N, C-alpha and C. Protein backbone atom coordinates (compact mmCIF):
# COMPACT_ATOMS: atom_id res chain seq x y z
N UNK A 1 95.93 54.14 163.30
CA UNK A 1 97.01 55.11 163.15
C UNK A 1 98.06 54.59 162.18
N UNK A 2 98.48 55.44 161.26
CA UNK A 2 99.53 55.06 160.31
C UNK A 2 100.88 54.97 161.02
N UNK A 3 101.84 54.33 160.36
CA UNK A 3 103.17 54.21 160.97
C UNK A 3 104.05 55.41 160.64
N UNK A 4 103.58 56.27 159.73
CA UNK A 4 104.35 57.44 159.30
C UNK A 4 103.57 58.70 159.62
N UNK A 5 104.27 59.71 160.11
CA UNK A 5 103.64 60.99 160.38
C UNK A 5 104.42 62.11 159.69
N UNK A 6 103.74 62.88 158.88
CA UNK A 6 104.33 64.06 158.24
C UNK A 6 103.97 65.27 159.10
N UNK A 7 105.01 65.97 159.56
CA UNK A 7 104.81 67.10 160.48
C UNK A 7 105.28 68.38 159.82
N UNK A 8 104.40 69.35 159.73
CA UNK A 8 104.74 70.65 159.14
C UNK A 8 104.60 71.74 160.19
N UNK A 9 105.63 72.58 160.29
CA UNK A 9 105.61 73.66 161.27
C UNK A 9 105.10 74.94 160.63
N UNK A 10 104.11 75.55 161.26
CA UNK A 10 103.54 76.82 160.79
C UNK A 10 103.79 77.86 161.88
N UNK A 11 104.55 78.90 161.53
CA UNK A 11 104.88 79.93 162.51
C UNK A 11 104.02 81.17 162.29
N UNK A 12 103.46 81.69 163.35
CA UNK A 12 102.56 82.82 163.25
C UNK A 12 103.21 84.02 162.58
N UNK A 13 104.48 84.29 162.90
CA UNK A 13 105.17 85.46 162.37
C UNK A 13 105.38 85.39 160.86
N UNK A 14 105.33 84.19 160.30
CA UNK A 14 105.57 84.04 158.85
C UNK A 14 104.32 84.30 158.02
N UNK A 15 103.17 84.41 158.65
CA UNK A 15 101.94 84.63 157.91
C UNK A 15 101.42 83.35 157.27
N UNK A 16 100.42 83.50 156.43
CA UNK A 16 99.74 82.33 155.87
C UNK A 16 100.31 81.87 154.52
N UNK A 17 101.08 82.73 153.84
CA UNK A 17 101.54 82.39 152.51
C UNK A 17 102.42 81.14 152.47
N UNK A 18 103.38 80.95 153.40
CA UNK A 18 104.17 79.72 153.37
C UNK A 18 103.32 78.46 153.50
N UNK A 19 102.29 78.51 154.35
CA UNK A 19 101.41 77.35 154.50
C UNK A 19 100.66 77.09 153.20
N UNK A 20 100.17 78.15 152.56
CA UNK A 20 99.43 77.99 151.31
C UNK A 20 100.30 77.32 150.24
N UNK A 21 101.54 77.76 150.12
CA UNK A 21 102.43 77.17 149.12
C UNK A 21 102.78 75.72 149.46
N UNK A 22 102.99 75.46 150.75
CA UNK A 22 103.29 74.08 151.15
C UNK A 22 102.13 73.15 150.82
N UNK A 23 100.92 73.57 151.14
CA UNK A 23 99.76 72.72 150.90
C UNK A 23 99.53 72.47 149.42
N UNK A 24 99.88 73.43 148.57
CA UNK A 24 99.75 73.22 147.13
C UNK A 24 100.66 72.08 146.67
N UNK A 25 101.89 72.05 147.18
CA UNK A 25 102.83 70.99 146.78
C UNK A 25 102.50 69.68 147.49
N UNK A 26 102.05 69.77 148.73
CA UNK A 26 101.67 68.56 149.48
C UNK A 26 100.48 67.88 148.82
N UNK A 27 99.53 68.68 148.33
CA UNK A 27 98.37 68.10 147.66
C UNK A 27 98.73 67.36 146.39
N UNK A 28 99.81 67.79 145.73
CA UNK A 28 100.24 67.16 144.48
C UNK A 28 101.19 65.99 144.71
N UNK A 29 101.90 66.01 145.81
CA UNK A 29 102.95 65.00 146.04
C UNK A 29 102.81 64.43 147.45
N UNK A 30 101.91 63.49 147.62
CA UNK A 30 101.67 62.91 148.94
C UNK A 30 102.54 61.70 149.23
N UNK A 31 103.39 61.32 148.29
CA UNK A 31 104.34 60.24 148.54
C UNK A 31 103.83 58.84 148.23
N UNK A 32 102.52 58.69 148.02
CA UNK A 32 102.00 57.38 147.64
C UNK A 32 101.97 56.36 148.76
N UNK A 33 102.08 56.80 150.01
CA UNK A 33 102.07 55.87 151.14
C UNK A 33 101.17 56.44 152.23
N UNK A 34 100.47 55.57 152.96
CA UNK A 34 99.56 56.02 154.01
C UNK A 34 100.34 56.71 155.13
N UNK A 35 99.85 57.86 155.57
CA UNK A 35 100.52 58.60 156.64
C UNK A 35 99.53 59.54 157.31
N UNK A 36 99.86 59.95 158.51
CA UNK A 36 99.10 60.97 159.22
C UNK A 36 99.75 62.33 159.01
N UNK A 37 98.96 63.37 159.13
CA UNK A 37 99.43 64.74 158.86
C UNK A 37 99.23 65.56 160.13
N UNK A 38 100.32 66.14 160.61
CA UNK A 38 100.29 66.91 161.86
C UNK A 38 100.83 68.32 161.61
N UNK A 39 100.12 69.31 162.11
CA UNK A 39 100.56 70.69 161.99
C UNK A 39 101.01 71.20 163.35
N UNK A 40 102.23 71.75 163.40
CA UNK A 40 102.71 72.42 164.60
C UNK A 40 102.43 73.91 164.43
N UNK A 41 101.55 74.46 165.24
CA UNK A 41 101.29 75.90 165.22
C UNK A 41 102.19 76.56 166.27
N UNK A 42 103.15 77.35 165.78
CA UNK A 42 104.15 77.94 166.66
C UNK A 42 103.87 79.44 166.85
N UNK A 43 103.69 79.82 168.12
CA UNK A 43 103.52 81.24 168.43
C UNK A 43 102.12 81.78 168.17
N UNK A 44 101.12 80.92 168.16
CA UNK A 44 99.74 81.37 167.95
C UNK A 44 99.06 81.58 169.31
N UNK A 45 98.54 82.76 169.57
CA UNK A 45 97.87 83.00 170.85
C UNK A 45 96.54 82.26 170.93
N UNK A 46 96.19 81.87 172.13
CA UNK A 46 94.90 81.22 172.34
C UNK A 46 94.87 79.75 172.02
N UNK A 47 96.00 79.21 171.46
CA UNK A 47 96.08 77.78 171.16
C UNK A 47 94.88 77.31 170.33
N UNK A 48 94.53 78.12 169.32
CA UNK A 48 93.43 77.78 168.44
C UNK A 48 93.79 78.18 167.02
N UNK A 49 93.39 77.36 166.04
CA UNK A 49 93.70 77.64 164.65
C UNK A 49 92.95 78.90 164.21
N UNK A 50 93.66 79.93 163.71
CA UNK A 50 92.97 81.10 163.17
C UNK A 50 92.10 80.70 161.98
N UNK A 51 91.04 81.45 161.77
CA UNK A 51 90.07 81.09 160.73
C UNK A 51 90.71 80.94 159.35
N UNK A 52 91.64 81.86 159.01
CA UNK A 52 92.26 81.81 157.68
C UNK A 52 93.09 80.54 157.51
N UNK A 53 93.81 80.14 158.56
CA UNK A 53 94.62 78.92 158.50
C UNK A 53 93.72 77.69 158.48
N UNK A 54 92.66 77.72 159.26
CA UNK A 54 91.72 76.61 159.30
C UNK A 54 91.08 76.39 157.94
N UNK A 55 90.80 77.49 157.24
CA UNK A 55 90.22 77.39 155.90
C UNK A 55 91.18 76.75 154.92
N UNK A 56 92.45 77.09 154.99
CA UNK A 56 93.46 76.50 154.11
C UNK A 56 93.59 75.00 154.34
N UNK A 57 93.41 74.57 155.59
CA UNK A 57 93.61 73.17 155.96
C UNK A 57 92.32 72.36 155.87
N UNK A 58 91.24 72.97 155.44
CA UNK A 58 89.93 72.31 155.47
C UNK A 58 89.91 71.03 154.64
N UNK A 59 90.66 70.98 153.55
CA UNK A 59 90.66 69.81 152.67
C UNK A 59 91.70 68.77 153.05
N UNK A 60 92.40 68.99 154.15
CA UNK A 60 93.48 68.08 154.54
C UNK A 60 93.22 67.57 155.96
N UNK A 61 92.94 66.29 156.09
CA UNK A 61 92.76 65.70 157.41
C UNK A 61 94.06 65.85 158.20
N UNK A 62 93.97 66.40 159.39
CA UNK A 62 95.19 66.69 160.14
C UNK A 62 94.89 66.79 161.63
N UNK A 63 95.96 66.73 162.40
CA UNK A 63 95.92 67.03 163.83
C UNK A 63 96.75 68.27 164.07
N UNK A 64 96.52 68.93 165.19
CA UNK A 64 97.23 70.17 165.50
C UNK A 64 97.88 70.10 166.87
N UNK A 65 99.07 70.67 166.96
CA UNK A 65 99.76 70.84 168.24
C UNK A 65 100.24 72.28 168.32
N UNK A 66 100.09 72.91 169.45
CA UNK A 66 100.48 74.31 169.63
C UNK A 66 101.70 74.38 170.54
N UNK A 67 102.68 75.17 170.12
CA UNK A 67 103.89 75.38 170.93
C UNK A 67 104.19 76.87 170.97
N UNK A 68 104.97 77.27 171.97
CA UNK A 68 105.35 78.67 172.08
C UNK A 68 106.38 79.08 171.05
N UNK A 69 106.48 80.38 170.81
CA UNK A 69 107.42 80.89 169.82
C UNK A 69 108.77 81.17 170.49
N UNK A 70 109.50 80.10 170.76
CA UNK A 70 110.82 80.24 171.36
C UNK A 70 111.75 79.19 170.74
N UNK A 71 113.03 79.53 170.70
CA UNK A 71 114.01 78.60 170.15
C UNK A 71 113.91 78.45 168.65
N UNK A 72 114.81 77.62 168.11
CA UNK A 72 114.79 77.33 166.68
C UNK A 72 113.71 76.29 166.37
N UNK A 73 113.52 76.03 165.09
CA UNK A 73 112.53 75.02 164.71
C UNK A 73 112.83 73.67 165.35
N UNK A 74 114.11 73.32 165.42
CA UNK A 74 114.48 72.01 165.96
C UNK A 74 114.05 71.88 167.42
N UNK A 75 113.97 73.01 168.13
CA UNK A 75 113.48 72.98 169.51
C UNK A 75 112.03 72.52 169.55
N UNK A 76 111.23 73.04 168.64
CA UNK A 76 109.83 72.63 168.55
C UNK A 76 109.70 71.17 168.11
N UNK A 77 110.57 70.75 167.17
CA UNK A 77 110.53 69.37 166.71
C UNK A 77 110.80 68.40 167.87
N UNK A 78 111.80 68.72 168.68
CA UNK A 78 112.13 67.85 169.81
C UNK A 78 110.98 67.79 170.81
N UNK A 79 110.36 68.93 171.05
CA UNK A 79 109.23 68.97 171.99
C UNK A 79 108.08 68.10 171.49
N UNK A 80 107.76 68.21 170.20
CA UNK A 80 106.65 67.45 169.63
C UNK A 80 107.01 65.97 169.52
N UNK A 81 108.26 65.68 169.16
CA UNK A 81 108.68 64.28 168.99
C UNK A 81 108.47 63.47 170.26
N UNK A 82 108.66 64.12 171.40
CA UNK A 82 108.48 63.41 172.67
C UNK A 82 107.03 62.99 172.90
N UNK A 83 106.11 63.68 172.23
CA UNK A 83 104.69 63.38 172.42
C UNK A 83 104.15 62.43 171.35
N UNK A 84 104.96 62.06 170.37
CA UNK A 84 104.50 61.20 169.28
C UNK A 84 104.93 59.76 169.50
N UNK A 85 104.17 58.83 168.94
CA UNK A 85 104.47 57.41 169.09
C UNK A 85 104.68 56.73 167.74
N UNK A 86 104.92 57.51 166.71
CA UNK A 86 105.12 56.95 165.37
C UNK A 86 106.54 56.40 165.22
N UNK A 87 106.71 55.26 164.53
CA UNK A 87 108.06 54.77 164.26
C UNK A 87 108.83 55.64 163.26
N UNK A 88 108.08 56.32 162.36
CA UNK A 88 108.71 57.17 161.36
C UNK A 88 108.03 58.54 161.36
N UNK A 89 108.84 59.58 161.48
CA UNK A 89 108.33 60.95 161.50
C UNK A 89 109.15 61.80 160.54
N UNK A 90 108.47 62.57 159.69
CA UNK A 90 109.14 63.48 158.75
C UNK A 90 108.77 64.91 159.14
N UNK A 91 109.77 65.69 159.62
CA UNK A 91 109.55 67.07 160.01
C UNK A 91 109.87 68.00 158.83
N UNK A 92 108.96 68.91 158.55
CA UNK A 92 109.13 69.87 157.45
C UNK A 92 108.97 71.28 158.01
N UNK A 93 109.93 72.16 157.70
CA UNK A 93 109.88 73.50 158.29
C UNK A 93 108.89 74.40 157.57
N UNK A 94 108.80 75.64 158.01
CA UNK A 94 107.75 76.55 157.55
C UNK A 94 107.78 76.81 156.05
N UNK A 95 108.98 76.81 155.46
CA UNK A 95 109.11 77.16 154.05
C UNK A 95 109.35 75.94 153.15
N UNK A 96 109.05 74.78 153.66
CA UNK A 96 109.25 73.56 152.88
C UNK A 96 108.27 73.50 151.71
N UNK A 97 108.76 72.97 150.60
CA UNK A 97 107.92 72.63 149.45
C UNK A 97 108.24 71.19 149.08
N UNK A 98 107.23 70.40 148.82
CA UNK A 98 107.44 69.00 148.44
C UNK A 98 107.50 68.93 146.93
N UNK A 99 108.71 68.85 146.41
CA UNK A 99 108.91 68.87 144.96
C UNK A 99 109.32 67.48 144.47
N UNK A 100 109.18 67.27 143.18
CA UNK A 100 109.37 65.94 142.62
C UNK A 100 110.78 65.40 142.79
N UNK A 101 111.80 66.24 142.82
CA UNK A 101 113.16 65.73 142.91
C UNK A 101 113.49 65.20 144.29
N UNK A 102 112.75 65.60 145.32
CA UNK A 102 112.99 65.06 146.66
C UNK A 102 112.03 63.93 147.00
N UNK A 103 110.94 63.83 146.27
CA UNK A 103 109.96 62.79 146.56
C UNK A 103 110.53 61.38 146.37
N UNK A 104 111.31 61.08 145.31
CA UNK A 104 111.81 59.71 145.16
C UNK A 104 112.56 59.20 146.39
N UNK A 105 113.45 60.02 146.94
CA UNK A 105 114.22 59.60 148.11
C UNK A 105 113.30 59.40 149.31
N UNK A 106 112.38 60.35 149.52
CA UNK A 106 111.45 60.24 150.64
C UNK A 106 110.56 59.01 150.50
N UNK A 107 110.11 58.74 149.29
CA UNK A 107 109.27 57.58 149.04
C UNK A 107 110.01 56.28 149.35
N UNK A 108 111.27 56.19 148.95
CA UNK A 108 112.06 54.99 149.24
C UNK A 108 112.21 54.79 150.74
N UNK A 109 112.47 55.88 151.47
CA UNK A 109 112.60 55.78 152.93
C UNK A 109 111.28 55.35 153.56
N UNK A 110 110.18 55.88 153.05
CA UNK A 110 108.87 55.54 153.60
C UNK A 110 108.58 54.05 153.48
N UNK A 111 109.08 53.42 152.43
CA UNK A 111 108.89 51.98 152.25
C UNK A 111 110.02 51.16 152.88
N UNK A 112 110.93 51.83 153.58
CA UNK A 112 112.02 51.12 154.21
C UNK A 112 113.04 50.57 153.23
N UNK A 113 113.11 51.19 152.04
CA UNK A 113 114.02 50.73 150.99
C UNK A 113 115.18 51.72 150.89
N UNK A 114 116.26 51.42 151.59
CA UNK A 114 117.41 52.34 151.61
C UNK A 114 118.55 51.87 150.72
N UNK A 115 118.47 50.63 150.23
CA UNK A 115 119.56 50.07 149.46
C UNK A 115 119.85 50.86 148.19
N UNK A 116 118.80 51.26 147.47
CA UNK A 116 118.99 51.96 146.21
C UNK A 116 119.71 53.29 146.41
N UNK A 117 119.25 54.09 147.37
CA UNK A 117 119.88 55.39 147.62
C UNK A 117 121.30 55.23 148.15
N UNK A 118 121.51 54.23 149.01
CA UNK A 118 122.85 53.99 149.53
C UNK A 118 123.80 53.61 148.41
N UNK A 119 123.38 52.68 147.56
CA UNK A 119 124.23 52.25 146.44
C UNK A 119 124.46 53.38 145.47
N UNK A 120 123.43 54.15 145.21
CA UNK A 120 123.54 55.29 144.28
C UNK A 120 124.58 56.29 144.77
N UNK A 121 124.53 56.63 146.04
CA UNK A 121 125.46 57.64 146.57
C UNK A 121 126.88 57.11 146.70
N UNK A 122 127.05 55.82 146.99
CA UNK A 122 128.39 55.24 147.04
C UNK A 122 129.03 55.31 145.65
N UNK A 123 128.27 54.90 144.64
CA UNK A 123 128.78 54.95 143.26
C UNK A 123 129.06 56.39 142.85
N UNK A 124 128.16 57.31 143.25
CA UNK A 124 128.34 58.72 142.89
C UNK A 124 129.64 59.28 143.47
N UNK A 125 129.94 58.94 144.71
CA UNK A 125 131.17 59.43 145.34
C UNK A 125 132.40 58.84 144.66
N UNK A 126 132.35 57.53 144.39
CA UNK A 126 133.50 56.87 143.76
C UNK A 126 133.79 57.45 142.38
N UNK A 127 132.74 57.74 141.63
CA UNK A 127 132.92 58.25 140.27
C UNK A 127 133.14 59.76 140.26
N UNK A 128 132.39 60.48 141.10
CA UNK A 128 132.39 61.93 141.02
C UNK A 128 133.69 62.56 141.46
N UNK A 129 134.24 62.11 142.57
CA UNK A 129 135.43 62.78 143.12
C UNK A 129 136.62 62.73 142.16
N UNK A 130 137.02 61.55 141.66
CA UNK A 130 138.14 61.54 140.69
C UNK A 130 137.81 62.32 139.41
N UNK A 131 136.56 62.18 138.94
CA UNK A 131 136.17 62.89 137.72
C UNK A 131 136.23 64.40 137.93
N UNK A 132 135.78 64.85 139.09
CA UNK A 132 135.78 66.29 139.39
C UNK A 132 137.20 66.83 139.42
N UNK A 133 138.10 66.09 140.04
CA UNK A 133 139.50 66.53 140.13
C UNK A 133 140.14 66.57 138.74
N UNK A 134 139.96 65.49 137.97
CA UNK A 134 140.61 65.41 136.66
C UNK A 134 140.06 66.44 135.68
N UNK A 135 138.72 66.54 135.59
CA UNK A 135 138.12 67.46 134.63
C UNK A 135 138.35 68.92 135.02
N UNK A 136 138.39 69.21 136.32
CA UNK A 136 138.66 70.58 136.76
C UNK A 136 140.08 70.98 136.42
N UNK A 137 141.02 70.06 136.62
CA UNK A 137 142.42 70.36 136.31
C UNK A 137 142.63 70.57 134.82
N UNK A 138 141.89 69.85 133.99
CA UNK A 138 142.11 69.92 132.54
C UNK A 138 141.20 70.94 131.84
N UNK A 139 140.00 71.14 132.36
CA UNK A 139 139.04 72.00 131.66
C UNK A 139 138.45 73.11 132.52
N UNK A 140 138.94 73.23 133.74
CA UNK A 140 138.50 74.32 134.61
C UNK A 140 137.04 74.22 135.01
N UNK A 141 136.39 75.38 135.07
CA UNK A 141 135.00 75.44 135.54
C UNK A 141 134.05 74.65 134.64
N UNK A 142 134.33 74.63 133.33
CA UNK A 142 133.47 73.87 132.41
C UNK A 142 133.52 72.38 132.74
N UNK A 143 134.71 71.88 133.04
CA UNK A 143 134.84 70.48 133.41
C UNK A 143 134.09 70.14 134.68
N UNK A 144 134.19 71.03 135.69
CA UNK A 144 133.47 70.81 136.94
C UNK A 144 131.97 70.81 136.71
N UNK A 145 131.48 71.70 135.87
CA UNK A 145 130.05 71.77 135.57
C UNK A 145 129.57 70.49 134.90
N UNK A 146 130.39 69.93 134.01
CA UNK A 146 130.01 68.71 133.31
C UNK A 146 129.83 67.54 134.28
N UNK A 147 130.66 67.50 135.33
CA UNK A 147 130.54 66.42 136.32
C UNK A 147 129.17 66.46 136.99
N UNK A 148 128.76 67.66 137.41
CA UNK A 148 127.46 67.79 138.07
C UNK A 148 126.31 67.51 137.11
N UNK A 149 126.46 67.89 135.85
CA UNK A 149 125.42 67.59 134.86
C UNK A 149 125.28 66.08 134.67
N UNK A 150 126.41 65.38 134.59
CA UNK A 150 126.36 63.93 134.41
C UNK A 150 125.79 63.24 135.65
N UNK A 151 126.14 63.75 136.83
CA UNK A 151 125.63 63.17 138.07
C UNK A 151 124.11 63.27 138.14
N UNK A 152 123.59 64.47 137.89
CA UNK A 152 122.14 64.65 137.95
C UNK A 152 121.44 63.93 136.80
N UNK A 153 122.12 63.82 135.66
CA UNK A 153 121.57 63.03 134.56
C UNK A 153 121.43 61.57 134.94
N UNK A 154 122.40 61.08 135.73
CA UNK A 154 122.31 59.70 136.20
C UNK A 154 121.13 59.49 137.13
N UNK A 155 120.92 60.45 138.04
CA UNK A 155 119.74 60.36 138.91
C UNK A 155 118.46 60.32 138.07
N UNK A 156 118.43 61.16 137.06
CA UNK A 156 117.23 61.34 136.25
C UNK A 156 116.95 60.13 135.36
N UNK A 157 118.00 59.58 134.75
CA UNK A 157 117.82 58.53 133.74
C UNK A 157 118.00 57.12 134.28
N UNK A 158 118.63 56.98 135.46
CA UNK A 158 118.91 55.64 135.98
C UNK A 158 118.11 55.36 137.26
N UNK A 159 118.23 56.28 138.24
CA UNK A 159 117.57 56.02 139.53
C UNK A 159 116.05 55.98 139.40
N UNK A 160 115.47 56.97 138.68
CA UNK A 160 114.01 57.06 138.59
C UNK A 160 113.40 55.80 137.97
N UNK A 161 113.91 55.31 136.83
CA UNK A 161 113.32 54.07 136.27
C UNK A 161 113.47 52.86 137.20
N UNK A 162 114.62 52.75 137.89
CA UNK A 162 114.81 51.63 138.81
C UNK A 162 113.78 51.71 139.94
N UNK A 163 113.60 52.91 140.48
CA UNK A 163 112.66 53.07 141.59
C UNK A 163 111.23 52.73 141.16
N UNK A 164 110.84 53.18 139.97
CA UNK A 164 109.46 52.98 139.53
C UNK A 164 109.19 51.56 139.05
N UNK A 165 110.19 50.74 138.92
CA UNK A 165 109.95 49.32 138.66
C UNK A 165 109.37 48.64 139.90
N UNK A 166 109.57 49.29 141.05
CA UNK A 166 109.10 48.71 142.31
C UNK A 166 107.99 49.53 142.96
N UNK A 167 108.06 50.86 142.83
CA UNK A 167 107.13 51.74 143.52
C UNK A 167 106.41 52.65 142.52
N UNK A 168 105.11 52.84 142.71
CA UNK A 168 104.31 53.77 141.90
C UNK A 168 104.59 53.59 140.40
N UNK A 169 104.42 52.40 139.91
CA UNK A 169 104.77 52.07 138.52
C UNK A 169 104.09 52.97 137.49
N UNK A 170 102.80 53.32 137.63
CA UNK A 170 102.16 54.14 136.58
C UNK A 170 102.62 55.60 136.54
N UNK A 171 103.33 56.05 137.59
CA UNK A 171 103.61 57.47 137.70
C UNK A 171 104.85 57.92 136.94
N UNK A 172 105.72 57.02 136.53
CA UNK A 172 107.00 57.42 135.95
C UNK A 172 106.84 58.22 134.66
N UNK A 173 106.04 57.70 133.73
CA UNK A 173 105.92 58.37 132.44
C UNK A 173 105.15 59.67 132.56
N UNK A 174 104.18 59.72 133.48
CA UNK A 174 103.48 60.98 133.71
C UNK A 174 104.46 62.04 134.19
N UNK A 175 105.37 61.68 135.08
CA UNK A 175 106.36 62.61 135.61
C UNK A 175 107.32 63.06 134.50
N UNK A 176 107.80 62.10 133.71
CA UNK A 176 108.73 62.44 132.63
C UNK A 176 108.08 63.37 131.61
N UNK A 177 106.87 63.05 131.17
CA UNK A 177 106.26 63.82 130.10
C UNK A 177 105.63 65.13 130.59
N UNK A 178 104.84 65.05 131.65
CA UNK A 178 104.10 66.24 132.09
C UNK A 178 104.95 67.20 132.90
N UNK A 179 105.71 66.67 133.84
CA UNK A 179 106.47 67.54 134.75
C UNK A 179 107.81 67.99 134.18
N UNK A 180 108.39 67.19 133.29
CA UNK A 180 109.71 67.50 132.73
C UNK A 180 109.64 67.81 131.25
N UNK A 181 109.01 66.91 130.48
CA UNK A 181 109.03 67.03 129.03
C UNK A 181 108.36 68.29 128.50
N UNK A 182 107.16 68.60 129.02
CA UNK A 182 106.42 69.75 128.51
C UNK A 182 107.17 71.07 128.72
N UNK A 183 107.62 71.38 129.94
CA UNK A 183 108.39 72.63 130.12
C UNK A 183 109.69 72.64 129.32
N UNK A 184 110.36 71.48 129.23
CA UNK A 184 111.62 71.41 128.50
C UNK A 184 111.42 71.72 127.02
N UNK A 185 110.38 71.19 126.42
CA UNK A 185 110.11 71.46 125.00
C UNK A 185 109.81 72.94 124.77
N UNK A 186 109.08 73.54 125.69
CA UNK A 186 108.77 74.97 125.57
C UNK A 186 110.05 75.80 125.65
N UNK A 187 110.90 75.49 126.61
CA UNK A 187 112.15 76.24 126.78
C UNK A 187 113.04 76.08 125.55
N UNK A 188 113.18 74.85 125.05
CA UNK A 188 114.02 74.63 123.86
C UNK A 188 113.44 75.36 122.66
N UNK A 189 112.11 75.38 122.52
CA UNK A 189 111.49 76.08 121.40
C UNK A 189 111.76 77.57 121.45
N UNK A 190 111.67 78.17 122.64
CA UNK A 190 111.93 79.60 122.79
C UNK A 190 113.39 79.91 122.48
N UNK A 191 114.29 79.05 122.95
CA UNK A 191 115.73 79.29 122.71
C UNK A 191 116.05 79.20 121.23
N UNK A 192 115.49 78.20 120.54
CA UNK A 192 115.75 78.05 119.10
C UNK A 192 115.20 79.25 118.34
N UNK A 193 113.99 79.68 118.65
CA UNK A 193 113.40 80.84 117.97
C UNK A 193 114.22 82.10 118.24
N UNK A 194 114.69 82.25 119.46
CA UNK A 194 115.50 83.42 119.81
C UNK A 194 116.81 83.43 119.03
N UNK A 195 117.41 82.25 118.92
CA UNK A 195 118.69 82.15 118.19
C UNK A 195 118.50 82.48 116.71
N UNK A 196 117.40 82.01 116.12
CA UNK A 196 117.14 82.25 114.70
C UNK A 196 116.84 83.73 114.44
N UNK A 197 116.09 84.35 115.32
CA UNK A 197 115.65 85.73 115.12
C UNK A 197 116.66 86.77 115.59
N UNK A 198 117.63 86.38 116.38
CA UNK A 198 118.58 87.34 116.94
C UNK A 198 119.43 87.97 115.84
N UNK A 199 119.52 89.28 115.78
CA UNK A 199 120.33 89.95 114.75
C UNK A 199 121.79 89.51 114.83
N UNK A 200 122.39 89.35 113.67
CA UNK A 200 123.79 88.91 113.64
C UNK A 200 124.75 90.04 114.02
N UNK A 201 124.31 91.27 113.79
CA UNK A 201 125.14 92.43 114.13
C UNK A 201 124.36 93.32 115.09
N UNK A 202 124.87 93.48 116.29
CA UNK A 202 124.18 94.30 117.29
C UNK A 202 125.17 94.68 118.38
N UNK A 203 124.81 95.69 119.14
CA UNK A 203 125.69 96.14 120.23
C UNK A 203 125.64 95.15 121.38
N UNK A 204 126.68 95.11 122.23
CA UNK A 204 126.67 94.22 123.40
C UNK A 204 125.46 94.46 124.30
N UNK A 205 125.06 95.72 124.45
CA UNK A 205 123.90 96.02 125.30
C UNK A 205 122.63 95.41 124.73
N UNK A 206 122.47 95.52 123.42
CA UNK A 206 121.29 94.95 122.77
C UNK A 206 121.28 93.43 122.91
N UNK A 207 122.44 92.79 122.70
CA UNK A 207 122.52 91.33 122.81
C UNK A 207 122.22 90.86 124.23
N UNK A 208 122.74 91.58 125.23
CA UNK A 208 122.48 91.22 126.62
C UNK A 208 120.98 91.34 126.93
N UNK A 209 120.36 92.42 126.46
CA UNK A 209 118.92 92.60 126.67
C UNK A 209 118.13 91.49 125.99
N UNK A 210 118.56 91.12 124.79
CA UNK A 210 117.89 90.04 124.05
C UNK A 210 117.97 88.73 124.82
N UNK A 211 119.14 88.42 125.36
CA UNK A 211 119.32 87.16 126.10
C UNK A 211 118.47 87.16 127.37
N UNK A 212 118.47 88.28 128.09
CA UNK A 212 117.68 88.37 129.32
C UNK A 212 116.20 88.19 129.03
N UNK A 213 115.70 88.84 127.98
CA UNK A 213 114.29 88.69 127.62
C UNK A 213 113.96 87.26 127.20
N UNK A 214 114.89 86.63 126.50
CA UNK A 214 114.68 85.23 126.10
C UNK A 214 114.52 84.34 127.32
N UNK A 215 115.40 84.53 128.29
CA UNK A 215 115.34 83.73 129.53
C UNK A 215 114.02 83.98 130.26
N UNK A 216 113.62 85.24 130.37
CA UNK A 216 112.38 85.57 131.08
C UNK A 216 111.16 84.97 130.39
N UNK A 217 111.10 85.11 129.07
CA UNK A 217 109.96 84.57 128.32
C UNK A 217 109.90 83.05 128.45
N UNK A 218 111.06 82.39 128.33
CA UNK A 218 111.10 80.93 128.46
C UNK A 218 110.65 80.49 129.85
N UNK A 219 111.12 81.21 130.89
CA UNK A 219 110.75 80.85 132.26
C UNK A 219 109.26 81.03 132.52
N UNK A 220 108.70 82.13 132.04
CA UNK A 220 107.28 82.40 132.26
C UNK A 220 106.41 81.37 131.54
N UNK A 221 106.71 81.10 130.28
CA UNK A 221 105.90 80.15 129.51
C UNK A 221 106.03 78.73 130.06
N UNK A 222 107.24 78.35 130.50
CA UNK A 222 107.42 77.01 131.08
C UNK A 222 106.61 76.87 132.37
N UNK A 223 106.59 77.92 133.19
CA UNK A 223 105.82 77.87 134.43
C UNK A 223 104.32 77.86 134.16
N UNK A 224 103.90 78.57 133.11
CA UNK A 224 102.48 78.57 132.76
C UNK A 224 102.02 77.20 132.26
N UNK A 225 102.95 76.39 131.79
CA UNK A 225 102.61 75.05 131.31
C UNK A 225 102.38 74.07 132.44
N UNK A 226 102.80 74.44 133.66
CA UNK A 226 102.67 73.55 134.81
C UNK A 226 101.45 73.93 135.64
N UNK A 227 100.61 72.96 136.01
CA UNK A 227 99.39 73.28 136.76
C UNK A 227 99.68 73.99 138.08
N UNK A 228 100.72 73.57 138.78
CA UNK A 228 101.01 74.16 140.10
C UNK A 228 101.52 75.58 139.97
N UNK A 229 102.56 75.79 139.16
CA UNK A 229 103.16 77.11 139.06
C UNK A 229 102.28 78.07 138.29
N UNK A 230 101.35 77.58 137.47
CA UNK A 230 100.44 78.45 136.74
C UNK A 230 99.62 79.31 137.70
N UNK A 231 99.33 78.78 138.88
CA UNK A 231 98.53 79.52 139.85
C UNK A 231 99.27 80.72 140.43
N UNK A 232 100.59 80.76 140.29
CA UNK A 232 101.36 81.91 140.79
C UNK A 232 101.11 83.15 139.96
N UNK A 233 100.67 82.97 138.72
CA UNK A 233 100.48 84.10 137.83
C UNK A 233 99.04 84.58 137.91
């Protein structure tokens, strides 16, 4: 038995689509650490996996626990937690998606490495709060936006390289180029082309329509460039 258990709650009333989307992201982002996979089936009659759900889970080794459809999700988590003997348990609700921006923190916790995230957040608070106050007072909403952009830029450019020096070393450049770089280049290309082709003289309605179409085209093409989101189309 692994020391970590990933627990996902599947509620009968929500249908199968949330489980399908979760498994797509779980299959791509398993965290890089050995763990067991447990499914909580909430509100399913007969205490048996329905055929459609069983088919979705066929490629994922897992255990199942059945609970009644009462209380909030946390009620079910507490009930299941009492029956588990794992030192580390990660509970994920029905609509959870395992995306790359949350995986670094989860991965660090899985390895018992909390120092990086603790130090990162302490520095972020010390720098962010005074910067937010000063820039908001002097530049308004634009100043506040810049603070959040710089904060997330720090996570992206500083935390990720530090983490990958210790964990999953080969994965950093794949994440930067495939998951971030490819969609970003497509979006920038669409924006530049739109700016060059946009008429210099036009009505406000036409310009608004042009901008909306540019955003939609950029979003669709960027999603088509990603293996996971491509399946949505």
